[in-house]
Amino acid sequence: MPTVAVPKSFTYHTTLDNVIGRSGVAHSDIKPELRIVAPPEFKGEPGLWTPEDLFVVSVESCLMLTFAGIAEKHGLHILRYESSAEGLLEWLAGSYQFTRIVVRPRISVADTASIVTAREIVDRAHQTCLVANSVRTSIVIEPEFVVE
């Protein structure tokens, strides 16, 4: 009788301290600390990471890592992966919320045939990205493929 893999669960811990005004310092295990501030449009300090930045880059980086993992399993050789993302924050129903995040990966492959596989993997990564699957925001992926 075949064995069935039991899904695993994971817990991630963070702490915040040194809260002064609209800034604080985030910690997680043995990772480097990260100063987080409110964005300038909410009376924060410019030039530092905000929760809004982290939210958008969480979706963007999760897509990249999910894509890389699936590509590796399928033996797809990627020459380069770069991306940009933008999140739209809107006032709805009495509060701000992200209503859309657009991720634009630019994926370079060695030949035209690899584009078909890369496109399929982007679609699969979009479907299985755990961060995107954990939020209500509409996530749109607009890939560009390049043969080098």
C-alpha atoms as a PDB file:
ATOM      1  CA  MET A   1       0.000   0.000   0.000  1.00  0.00           C
ATOM      2  CA  PRO A   2       1.528   3.410  -0.993  1.00  0.00           C
ATOM      3  CA  THR A   3       2.303   5.827   1.791  1.00  0.00           C
ATOM      4  CA  VAL A   4       0.537   9.155   1.737  1.00  0.00           C
ATOM      5  CA  ALA A   5       2.584  12.225   2.556  1.00  0.00           C
ATOM      6  CA  VAL A   6       1.194  14.073   5.540  1.00  0.00           C
ATOM      7  CA  PRO A   7       1.194  17.850   5.072  1.00  0.00           C
ATOM      8  CA  LYS A   8       3.613  19.628   7.338  1.00  0.00           C
ATOM      9  CA  SER A   9       2.964  22.787   9.249  1.00  0.00           C
ATOM     10  CA  PHE A  10       5.434  25.498  10.162  1.00  0.00           C
ATOM     11  CA  THR A  11       5.392  28.377  12.619  1.00  0.00           C
ATOM     12  CA  TYR A  12       7.270  31.623  12.101  1.00  0.00           C
ATOM     13  CA  HIS A  13       8.034  33.932  15.017  1.00  0.00           C
ATOM     14  CA  THR A  14       8.738  37.640  14.949  1.00  0.00           C
ATOM     15  CA  THR A  15       9.066  40.358  17.539  1.00  0.00           C
ATOM     16  CA  LEU A  16       9.022  44.136  17.434  1.00  0.00           C
ATOM     17  CA  ASP A  17      10.743  46.483  19.834  1.00  0.00           C
ATOM     18  CA  ASN A  18      12.394  49.885  20.017  1.00  0.00           C
ATOM     19  CA  VAL A  19       9.098  51.430  18.946  1.00  0.00           C
ATOM     20  CA  ILE A  20       9.486  55.186  18.717  1.00  0.00           C
ATOM     21  CA  GLY A  21       6.810  57.250  17.019  1.00  0.00           C
ATOM     22  CA  ARG A  22       6.011  55.570  13.731  1.00  0.00           C
ATOM     23  CA  SER A  23       8.977  53.202  13.594  1.00  0.00           C
ATOM     24  CA  GLY A  24      10.187  50.028  15.210  1.00  0.00           C
ATOM     25  CA  VAL A  25      12.692  47.218  14.834  1.00  0.00           C
ATOM     26  CA  ALA A  26      11.614  43.754  13.683  1.00  0.00           C
ATOM     27  CA  HIS A  27      13.406  40.574  14.729  1.00  0.00           C
ATOM     28  CA  SER A  28      13.057  36.933  13.724  1.00  0.00           C
ATOM     29  CA  ASP A  29      15.253  34.163  15.081  1.00  0.00           C
ATOM     30  CA  ILE A  30      18.889  34.706  14.038  1.00  0.00           C
ATOM     31  CA  LYS A  31      18.111  36.967  11.083  1.00  0.00           C
ATOM     32  CA  PRO A  32      19.388  40.536  10.861  1.00  0.00           C
ATOM     33  CA  GLU A  33      17.122  43.081  12.479  1.00  0.00           C
ATOM     34  CA  LEU A  34      15.032  45.250  10.174  1.00  0.00           C
ATOM     35  CA  ARG A  35      13.949  48.802  10.941  1.00  0.00           C
ATOM     36  CA  ILE A  36      10.400  49.353   9.786  1.00  0.00           C
ATOM     37  CA  VAL A  37       8.669  52.716   9.489  1.00  0.00           C
ATOM     38  CA  ALA A  38       5.359  54.100   8.327  1.00  0.00           C
ATOM     39  CA  PRO A  39       5.461  55.273   4.709  1.00  0.00           C
ATOM     40  CA  PRO A  40       5.889  59.017   4.101  1.00  0.00           C
ATOM     41  CA  GLU A  41       2.248  59.308   2.998  1.00  0.00           C
ATOM     42  CA  PHE A  42       1.291  58.208   6.532  1.00  0.00           C
ATOM     43  CA  LYS A  43       3.726  60.579   8.286  1.00  0.00           C
ATOM     44  CA  GLY A  44       6.630  58.146   8.233  1.00  0.00           C
ATOM     45  CA  GLU A  45      10.266  58.436   7.345  1.00  0.00           C
ATOM     46  CA  PRO A  46      11.296  58.116   3.673  1.00  0.00           C
ATOM     47  CA  GLY A  47      13.966  55.697   2.505  1.00  0.00           C
ATOM     48  CA  LEU A  48      13.229  52.768   4.841  1.00  0.00           C
ATOM     49  CA  TRP A  49      11.165  49.587   4.557  1.00  0.00           C
ATOM     50  CA  THR A  50       7.475  49.899   5.366  1.00  0.00           C
ATOM     51  CA  PRO A  51       4.847  47.206   5.997  1.00  0.00           C
ATOM     52  CA  GLU A  52       3.403  48.154   2.613  1.00  0.00           C
ATOM     53  CA  ASP A  53       6.750  47.520   0.880  1.00  0.00           C
ATOM     54  CA  LEU A  54       7.141  44.230   2.728  1.00  0.00           C
ATOM     55  CA  PHE A  55       3.632  43.128   1.755  1.00  0.00           C
ATOM     56  CA  VAL A  56       4.261  43.724  -1.959  1.00  0.00           C
ATOM     57  CA  VAL A  57       7.750  42.176  -1.925  1.00  0.00           C
ATOM     58  CA  SER A  58       6.377  39.168  -0.015  1.00  0.00           C
ATOM     59  CA  VAL A  59       4.088  38.367  -2.927  1.00  0.00           C
ATOM     60  CA  GLU A  60       6.803  39.134  -5.497  1.00  0.00           C
ATOM     61  CA  SER A  61       9.508  37.080  -3.791  1.00  0.00           C
ATOM     62  CA  CYS A  62       7.182  34.165  -3.059  1.00  0.00           C
ATOM     63  CA  LEU A  63       6.296  33.960  -6.750  1.00  0.00           C
ATOM     64  CA  MET A  64      10.009  34.003  -7.641  1.00  0.00           C
ATOM     65  CA  LEU A  65      10.908  31.281  -5.147  1.00  0.00           C
ATOM     66  CA  THR A  66       7.928  29.133  -6.120  1.00  0.00           C
ATOM     67  CA  PHE A  67       8.843  29.532  -9.801  1.00  0.00           C
ATOM     68  CA  ALA A  68      12.490  28.630  -9.091  1.00  0.00           C
ATOM     69  CA  GLY A  69      11.499  25.503  -7.181  1.00  0.00           C
ATOM     70  CA  ILE A  70       9.121  24.263  -9.866  1.00  0.00           C
ATOM     71  CA  ALA A  71      11.589  25.124 -12.657  1.00  0.00           C
ATOM     72  CA  GLU A  72      14.285  23.110 -10.884  1.00  0.00           C
ATOM     73  CA  LYS A  73      11.972  20.100 -10.543  1.00  0.00           C
ATOM     74  CA  HIS A  74      11.186  20.276 -14.269  1.00  0.00           C
ATOM     75  CA  GLY A  75      14.840  20.723 -15.284  1.00  0.00           C
ATOM     76  CA  LEU A  76      14.180  24.120 -16.840  1.00  0.00           C
ATOM     77  CA  HIS A  77      17.385  26.118 -17.074  1.00  0.00           C
ATOM     78  CA  ILE A  78      16.756  29.787 -16.374  1.00  0.00           C
ATOM     79  CA  LEU A  79      19.444  32.199 -17.503  1.00  0.00           C
ATOM     80  CA  ARG A  80      18.047  35.137 -15.558  1.00  0.00           C
ATOM     81  CA  TYR A  81      15.019  36.030 -13.451  1.00  0.00           C
ATOM     82  CA  GLU A  82      14.233  39.618 -12.576  1.00  0.00           C
ATOM     83  CA  SER A  83      10.943  41.142 -11.565  1.00  0.00           C
ATOM     84  CA  SER A  84       9.172  44.276 -10.512  1.00  0.00           C
ATOM     85  CA  ALA A  85       5.916  44.602  -8.626  1.00  0.00           C
ATOM     86  CA  GLU A  86       3.477  47.314  -7.711  1.00  0.00           C
ATOM     87  CA  GLY A  87       0.727  47.222  -5.160  1.00  0.00           C
ATOM     88  CA  LEU A  88      -2.338  49.440  -5.356  1.00  0.00           C
ATOM     89  CA  LEU A  89      -3.467  50.682  -1.935  1.00  0.00           C
ATOM     90  CA  GLU A  90      -6.982  52.099  -1.990  1.00  0.00           C
ATOM     91  CA  TRP A  91      -9.500  53.476   0.485  1.00  0.00           C
ATOM     92  CA  LEU A  92     -12.432  51.044   0.520  1.00  0.00           C
ATOM     93  CA  ALA A  93     -15.240  50.522   3.011  1.00  0.00           C
ATOM     94  CA  GLY A  94     -13.722  52.832   5.606  1.00  0.00           C
ATOM     95  CA  SER A  95     -10.091  51.679   5.535  1.00  0.00           C
ATOM     96  CA  TYR A  96      -7.072  51.291   3.296  1.00  0.00           C
ATOM     97  CA  GLN A  97      -6.437  47.940   1.696  1.00  0.00           C
ATOM     98  CA  PHE A  98      -4.362  46.545  -1.114  1.00  0.00           C
ATOM     99  CA  THR A  99      -6.745  45.817  -3.958  1.00  0.00           C
ATOM    100  CA  ARG A 100      -4.250  44.618  -6.540  1.00  0.00           C
ATOM    101  CA  ILE A 101      -0.630  43.584  -6.847  1.00  0.00           C
ATOM    102  CA  VAL A 102       0.896  43.245 -10.293  1.00  0.00           C
ATOM    103  CA  VAL A 103       4.101  41.218 -10.545  1.00  0.00           C
ATOM    104  CA  ARG A 104       6.107  41.492 -13.738  1.00  0.00           C
ATOM    105  CA  PRO A 105       8.746  38.787 -13.932  1.00  0.00           C
ATOM    106  CA  ARG A 106      11.245  38.947 -16.790  1.00  0.00           C
ATOM    107  CA  ILE A 107      12.530  35.452 -17.395  1.00  0.00           C
ATOM    108  CA  SER A 108      15.421  34.702 -19.748  1.00  0.00           C
ATOM    109  CA  VAL A 109      15.781  31.219 -21.197  1.00  0.00           C
ATOM    110  CA  ALA A 110      18.160  29.656 -23.708  1.00  0.00           C
ATOM    111  CA  ASP A 111      15.728  28.791 -26.500  1.00  0.00           C
ATOM    112  CA  THR A 112      12.222  29.382 -27.812  1.00  0.00           C
ATOM    113  CA  ALA A 113      10.998  25.918 -26.778  1.00  0.00           C
ATOM    114  CA  SER A 114      11.779  26.737 -23.139  1.00  0.00           C
ATOM    115  CA  ILE A 115       9.329  29.648 -23.207  1.00  0.00           C
ATOM    116  CA  VAL A 116       6.362  27.253 -23.320  1.00  0.00           C
ATOM    117  CA  THR A 117       7.635  25.418 -20.247  1.00  0.00           C
ATOM    118  CA  ALA A 118       8.510  28.655 -18.458  1.00  0.00           C
ATOM    119  CA  ARG A 119       5.013  30.034 -19.112  1.00  0.00           C
ATOM    120  CA  GLU A 120       3.425  26.863 -17.694  1.00  0.00           C
ATOM    121  CA  ILE A 121       5.666  27.091 -14.635  1.00  0.00           C
ATOM    122  CA  VAL A 122       4.773  30.765 -14.072  1.00  0.00           C
ATOM    123  CA  ASP A 123       1.092  29.808 -14.168  1.00  0.00           C
ATOM    124  CA  ARG A 124       1.690  26.966 -11.703  1.00  0.00           C
ATOM    125  CA  ALA A 125       3.754  29.223  -9.430  1.00  0.00           C
ATOM    126  CA  HIS A 126       0.953  31.787  -9.490  1.00  0.00           C
ATOM    127  CA  GLN A 127      -1.562  29.098  -8.472  1.00  0.00           C
ATOM    128  CA  THR A 128       0.592  27.710  -5.656  1.00  0.00           C
ATOM    129  CA  CYS A 129       2.421  30.745  -4.219  1.00  0.00           C
ATOM    130  CA  LEU A 130       1.609  30.457  -0.529  1.00  0.00           C
ATOM    131  CA  VAL A 131       1.726  34.202   0.161  1.00  0.00           C
ATOM    132  CA  ALA A 132      -0.593  35.053  -2.729  1.00  0.00           C
ATOM    133  CA  ASN A 133      -2.929  32.269  -1.605  1.00  0.00           C
ATOM    134  CA  SER A 134      -3.015  33.782   1.882  1.00  0.00           C
ATOM    135  CA  VAL A 135      -4.307  37.256   0.995  1.00  0.00           C
ATOM    136  CA  ARG A 136      -7.551  38.697  -0.387  1.00  0.00           C
ATOM    137  CA  THR A 137      -5.787  41.030  -2.814  1.00  0.00           C
ATOM    138  CA  SER A 138      -6.061  40.335  -6.528  1.00  0.00           C
ATOM    139  CA  ILE A 139      -2.663  39.099  -7.706  1.00  0.00           C
ATOM    140  CA  VAL A 140      -1.873  39.602 -11.392  1.00  0.00           C
ATOM    141  CA  ILE A 141       1.202  38.100 -13.068  1.00  0.00           C
ATOM    142  CA  GLU A 142       2.418  39.713 -16.300  1.00  0.00           C
ATOM    143  CA  PRO A 143       5.480  37.703 -17.364  1.00  0.00           C
ATOM    144  CA  GLU A 144       7.900  38.576 -20.114  1.00  0.00           C
ATOM    145  CA  PHE A 145      10.084  35.866 -21.612  1.00  0.00           C
ATOM    146  CA  VAL A 146      13.394  36.458 -23.350  1.00  0.00           C
ATOM    147  CA  VAL A 147      15.569  34.080 -25.346  1.00  0.00           C
ATOM    148  CA  GLU A 148      19.268  34.853 -24.873  1.00  0.00           C
END
